[in-house]
């Protein structure tokens, strides 16, 4: 499905949500109902016409465009080569993570010790790597999906393991909206697989909330990080306390004592 088709698909949904029929819309924008139907059917609509329709229906045009971007098919991961390029330059990785959080150029420069020129260079590099699509005025759109995740045991995860995990868990997890749980369980493989599916659903819900809260002002949002792991594991210090397995009994033919000849 092309970009214009996606935009009109979202626009139709928004019009239905506010109870706007083609007949009422046509009257408000000074067109015939048949012309409006043909415009939607042929996927032929200029940005100025889109803006006019949104204004007539009381719909935010940016919500329509953002909704179309959200349903555009994108990759869920980067390639091994792309991730290696990110971890080779920690500042590039920082800007990449800011982009995944939908920060704009001004927010990055205000927050971190990076010049605007440096940031623009990093944005251009992220465009080359395929993480974002750089647009005029140093704006961008993501080329990855809302379900994006780093490669399992890939370069970025390895970098996080070495440099980030200890810092993350050094917090007290007692602030508003914070929690830390470590819950052991003995499960069958099917149950463990079911749990993994639920974790993926939780990640999707976080992505939905993240997308929804983009409409709020910057000072109404804060940076939260969900760090999830689920594996068959026992703390090494506990493993060292396990009882040794009893030695297997020797076969009868090797028992001590005289053999029959």
Protein backbone atom coordinates (compact mmCIF):
# COMPACT_ATOMS: atom_id res chain seq x y z
CA UNK A 1 0.00 0.00 0.00
CA UNK A 2 1.45 3.38 -1.04
CA UNK A 3 1.82 6.41 1.24
CA UNK A 4 -1.18 8.31 -0.27
CA UNK A 5 -3.37 5.24 0.20
CA UNK A 6 -2.29 4.97 3.84
CA UNK A 7 -3.01 8.65 4.46
CA UNK A 8 -6.51 8.36 2.98
CA UNK A 9 -7.12 5.14 4.87
CA UNK A 10 -6.36 6.92 8.16
CA UNK A 11 -8.37 9.96 7.07
CA UNK A 12 -11.44 7.79 6.37
CA UNK A 13 -11.11 6.25 9.84
CA UNK A 14 -10.86 9.69 11.45
CA UNK A 15 -13.89 10.94 9.49
CA UNK A 16 -15.94 7.94 10.60
CA UNK A 17 -14.84 8.54 14.20
CA UNK A 18 -16.31 12.07 14.14
CA UNK A 19 -19.42 10.98 12.22
CA UNK A 20 -18.51 12.93 9.08
CA UNK A 21 -20.20 11.58 5.92
CA UNK A 22 -19.04 12.33 2.37
CA UNK A 23 -22.23 14.35 1.84
CA UNK A 24 -21.63 16.63 4.84
CA UNK A 25 -17.93 16.92 4.03
CA UNK A 26 -18.69 17.88 0.41
CA UNK A 27 -20.99 20.68 1.58
CA UNK A 28 -18.37 22.02 3.99
CA UNK A 29 -15.54 22.16 1.43
CA UNK A 30 -17.65 23.32 -1.52
CA UNK A 31 -17.50 20.15 -3.65
CA UNK A 32 -20.06 17.69 -4.92
CA UNK A 33 -20.48 14.43 -3.06
CA UNK A 34 -19.52 12.48 -6.21
CA UNK A 35 -16.28 14.49 -6.52
CA UNK A 36 -15.38 13.75 -2.92
CA UNK A 37 -16.04 10.04 -3.41
CA UNK A 38 -13.96 10.04 -6.59
CA UNK A 39 -11.10 11.84 -4.82
CA UNK A 40 -11.00 9.19 -2.12
CA UNK A 41 -11.48 6.33 -4.59
CA UNK A 42 -8.64 7.47 -6.87
CA UNK A 43 -6.30 8.28 -3.97
CA UNK A 44 -5.76 11.72 -5.49
CA UNK A 45 -5.47 14.44 -2.88
CA UNK A 46 -3.04 17.33 -2.49
CA UNK A 47 -1.71 18.40 0.90
CA UNK A 48 -3.70 21.63 0.68
CA UNK A 49 -6.90 19.65 0.07
CA UNK A 50 -6.01 17.31 2.94
CA UNK A 51 -5.53 20.32 5.22
CA UNK A 52 -8.89 21.75 4.10
CA UNK A 53 -10.72 18.49 4.82
CA UNK A 54 -9.08 18.11 8.22
CA UNK A 55 -10.05 21.66 9.15
CA UNK A 56 -13.63 21.15 7.97
CA UNK A 57 -13.94 17.93 9.98
CA UNK A 58 -12.16 19.22 13.08
CA UNK A 59 -9.38 16.67 12.70
CA UNK A 60 -5.72 17.41 13.40
CA UNK A 61 -3.81 16.94 10.13
CA UNK A 62 -0.67 15.91 12.03
CA UNK A 63 -2.63 13.06 13.64
CA UNK A 64 -3.61 11.78 10.19
CA UNK A 65 -0.05 11.93 8.89
CA UNK A 66 1.34 10.38 12.06
CA UNK A 67 -1.24 7.61 11.90
CA UNK A 68 -0.25 6.83 8.31
CA UNK A 69 3.40 6.71 9.31
CA UNK A 70 2.58 4.35 12.18
CA UNK A 71 1.00 1.74 9.91
CA UNK A 72 3.61 1.95 7.17
CA UNK A 73 5.46 -1.39 7.07
CA UNK A 74 8.96 -1.07 8.55
CA UNK A 75 11.65 -3.43 9.74
CA UNK A 76 11.56 -4.68 13.33
CA UNK A 77 15.37 -4.86 13.60
CA UNK A 78 18.56 -3.50 12.10
CA UNK A 79 21.16 -5.71 10.46
CA UNK A 80 24.32 -6.93 12.16
CA UNK A 81 26.39 -4.46 10.11
CA UNK A 82 24.10 -1.56 11.05
CA UNK A 83 24.31 -2.36 14.76
CA UNK A 84 28.10 -2.67 14.60
CA UNK A 85 28.24 0.81 13.07
CA UNK A 86 26.20 2.20 15.97
CA UNK A 87 28.28 0.73 18.79
CA UNK A 88 31.50 1.81 17.07
CA UNK A 89 30.47 5.42 17.83
CA UNK A 90 28.79 5.81 21.25
CA UNK A 91 27.61 9.33 20.35
CA UNK A 92 25.96 7.98 17.22
CA UNK A 93 24.26 5.34 19.36
CA UNK A 94 23.07 8.09 21.72
CA UNK A 95 21.51 10.05 18.87
CA UNK A 96 19.97 6.82 17.52
CA UNK A 97 18.32 6.13 20.88
CA UNK A 98 17.08 9.74 20.99
CA UNK A 99 15.55 9.26 17.55
CA UNK A 100 13.82 6.09 18.71
CA UNK A 101 12.38 8.25 21.50
CA UNK A 102 11.22 10.81 18.88
CA UNK A 103 13.44 13.61 20.15
CA UNK A 104 13.94 16.50 17.75
CA UNK A 105 17.30 18.08 16.99
CA UNK A 106 16.74 20.96 19.38
CA UNK A 107 15.97 18.64 22.31
CA UNK A 108 19.12 16.60 21.73
CA UNK A 109 21.35 19.69 21.56
CA UNK A 110 19.74 21.23 24.66
CA UNK A 111 20.18 18.04 26.66
CA UNK A 112 23.58 16.69 25.62
CA UNK A 113 27.00 18.23 24.97
CA UNK A 114 26.66 17.97 21.20
CA UNK A 115 26.72 20.86 18.76
CA UNK A 116 23.99 21.26 16.19
CA UNK A 117 26.50 20.55 13.44
CA UNK A 118 27.58 17.29 15.14
CA UNK A 119 23.95 16.26 15.54
CA UNK A 120 23.20 16.89 11.88
CA UNK A 121 26.19 14.72 10.89
CA UNK A 122 24.90 11.91 13.13
CA UNK A 123 21.38 12.24 11.71
CA UNK A 124 22.81 11.96 8.20
CA UNK A 125 24.71 8.84 9.26
CA UNK A 126 21.54 7.31 10.73
CA UNK A 127 19.79 8.06 7.45
CA UNK A 128 22.57 6.24 5.60
CA UNK A 129 22.26 3.30 7.99
CA UNK A 130 18.51 3.11 7.39
CA UNK A 131 17.31 3.87 10.92
CA UNK A 132 15.69 7.17 9.92
CA UNK A 133 14.71 9.11 6.84
CA UNK A 134 16.17 12.61 7.10
CA UNK A 135 13.83 15.35 5.92
CA UNK A 136 14.16 19.13 5.27
CA UNK A 137 14.92 21.37 8.26
CA UNK A 138 16.68 18.42 9.95
CA UNK A 139 13.42 16.63 10.74
CA UNK A 140 13.15 12.88 10.29
CA UNK A 141 10.83 9.89 10.31
CA UNK A 142 11.72 6.44 11.59
CA UNK A 143 12.33 3.61 9.15
CA UNK A 144 11.75 0.99 11.83
CA UNK A 145 8.47 -0.28 13.24
CA UNK A 146 6.89 0.39 16.63
CA UNK A 147 7.84 -3.19 17.49
CA UNK A 148 11.52 -2.43 16.87
CA UNK A 149 14.03 -4.34 19.01
CA UNK A 150 17.77 -4.82 19.00
CA UNK A 151 19.19 -8.08 17.64
CA UNK A 152 19.24 -10.87 20.22
CA UNK A 153 22.80 -11.03 21.58
CA UNK A 154 23.78 -8.60 18.82
CA UNK A 155 26.33 -5.77 19.04
CA UNK A 156 23.98 -3.32 20.78
CA UNK A 157 22.79 -5.86 23.36
CA UNK A 158 26.42 -6.81 24.04
CA UNK A 159 27.29 -3.13 24.44
CA UNK A 160 24.40 -2.67 26.88
CA UNK A 161 25.47 -5.75 28.83
CA UNK A 162 29.00 -4.42 29.21
CA UNK A 163 28.28 -0.74 29.83
CA UNK A 164 24.62 -0.18 30.69
CA UNK A 165 23.13 -2.99 32.80
CA UNK A 166 25.10 -2.26 35.99
CA UNK A 167 24.23 1.43 35.75
CA UNK A 168 20.57 0.62 35.16
CA UNK A 169 20.28 -1.68 38.18
CA UNK A 170 22.16 0.73 40.44
CA UNK A 171 18.89 2.65 40.82
CA UNK A 172 16.48 2.08 43.72
CA UNK A 173 13.37 1.58 41.53
CA UNK A 174 11.28 3.38 44.14
CA UNK A 175 10.27 6.47 42.18
CA UNK A 176 6.83 7.24 40.80
CA UNK A 177 6.04 4.81 37.99
CA UNK A 178 9.05 2.59 38.80
CA UNK A 179 9.25 -1.06 39.86
CA UNK A 180 11.70 -3.93 39.98
CA UNK A 181 10.65 -7.57 40.19
CA UNK A 182 12.67 -10.76 40.11
CA UNK A 183 10.26 -13.69 40.13
CA UNK A 184 11.58 -17.26 39.92
CA UNK A 185 9.37 -20.07 38.63
CA UNK A 186 9.67 -23.65 37.44
CA UNK A 187 7.85 -23.97 34.12
CA UNK A 188 7.37 -26.38 31.27
CA UNK A 189 8.69 -25.32 27.89
CA UNK A 190 5.16 -24.57 26.56
CA UNK A 191 4.50 -22.35 29.59
CA UNK A 192 7.81 -20.55 29.10
CA UNK A 193 6.94 -19.94 25.44
CA UNK A 194 3.55 -18.57 26.48
CA UNK A 195 5.31 -16.21 28.87
CA UNK A 196 7.59 -14.95 26.09
CA UNK A 197 4.52 -14.17 23.98
CA UNK A 198 3.01 -12.16 26.85
CA UNK A 199 6.28 -10.23 27.23
CA UNK A 200 6.11 -9.36 23.54
CA UNK A 201 2.55 -8.13 24.05
CA UNK A 202 3.76 -5.97 26.94
CA UNK A 203 6.44 -4.47 24.67
CA UNK A 204 3.75 -3.70 22.09
CA UNK A 205 1.65 -2.00 24.76
CA UNK A 206 4.63 0.12 25.81
CA UNK A 207 5.13 1.12 22.16
CA UNK A 208 1.44 2.10 21.96
CA UNK A 209 1.66 4.28 25.06
CA UNK A 210 4.88 5.82 23.83
CA UNK A 211 3.21 6.68 20.53
CA UNK A 212 0.09 8.05 22.22
CA UNK A 213 2.03 10.28 24.62
CA UNK A 214 3.91 11.93 21.78
CA UNK A 215 0.97 14.33 21.62
CA UNK A 216 1.81 15.65 25.09
CA UNK A 217 4.18 18.54 25.73
CA UNK A 218 7.82 17.61 26.29
CA UNK A 219 7.71 18.68 29.96
CA UNK A 220 4.81 16.28 30.58
CA UNK A 221 6.91 13.25 29.65
CA UNK A 222 10.01 11.63 31.14
CA UNK A 223 12.40 8.95 29.94
CA UNK A 224 11.48 5.46 31.15
CA UNK A 225 13.26 2.26 30.15
CA UNK A 226 11.78 -1.24 30.30
CA UNK A 227 14.54 -3.83 30.60
CA UNK A 228 13.17 -7.36 30.24
CA UNK A 229 14.91 -10.68 30.37
CA UNK A 230 13.50 -14.17 30.63
CA UNK A 231 15.71 -17.24 30.50
CA UNK A 232 16.48 -20.58 32.05
CA UNK A 233 18.99 -19.47 34.68
CA UNK A 234 20.33 -19.93 38.19
CA UNK A 235 22.63 -17.54 40.01
CA UNK A 236 26.14 -18.99 39.78
CA UNK A 237 26.69 -18.67 43.55
CA UNK A 238 23.57 -20.77 44.13
CA UNK A 239 24.61 -23.32 41.53
CA UNK A 240 27.87 -23.77 43.42
CA UNK A 241 25.85 -24.87 46.48
CA UNK A 242 24.06 -27.69 44.66
CA UNK A 243 24.68 -31.20 45.91
CA UNK A 244 26.84 -33.34 43.69
CA UNK A 245 24.94 -36.02 41.81
CA UNK A 246 25.58 -39.51 43.27
CA UNK A 247 28.00 -41.58 41.27
CA UNK A 248 26.36 -44.26 39.13
CA UNK A 249 26.73 -47.82 40.36
CA UNK A 250 29.41 -49.79 38.52
CA UNK A 251 28.19 -52.56 36.15
CA UNK A 252 28.04 -56.05 37.71
CA UNK A 253 30.82 -57.34 35.48
CA UNK A 254 33.16 -54.73 36.95
CA UNK A 255 32.31 -55.37 40.62
CA UNK A 256 35.30 -56.06 42.89
CA UNK A 257 35.97 -59.72 43.71
CA UNK A 258 37.10 -62.90 41.96
CA UNK A 259 35.73 -63.64 38.51
CA UNK A 260 34.50 -67.07 37.43
CA UNK A 261 36.79 -68.65 34.94
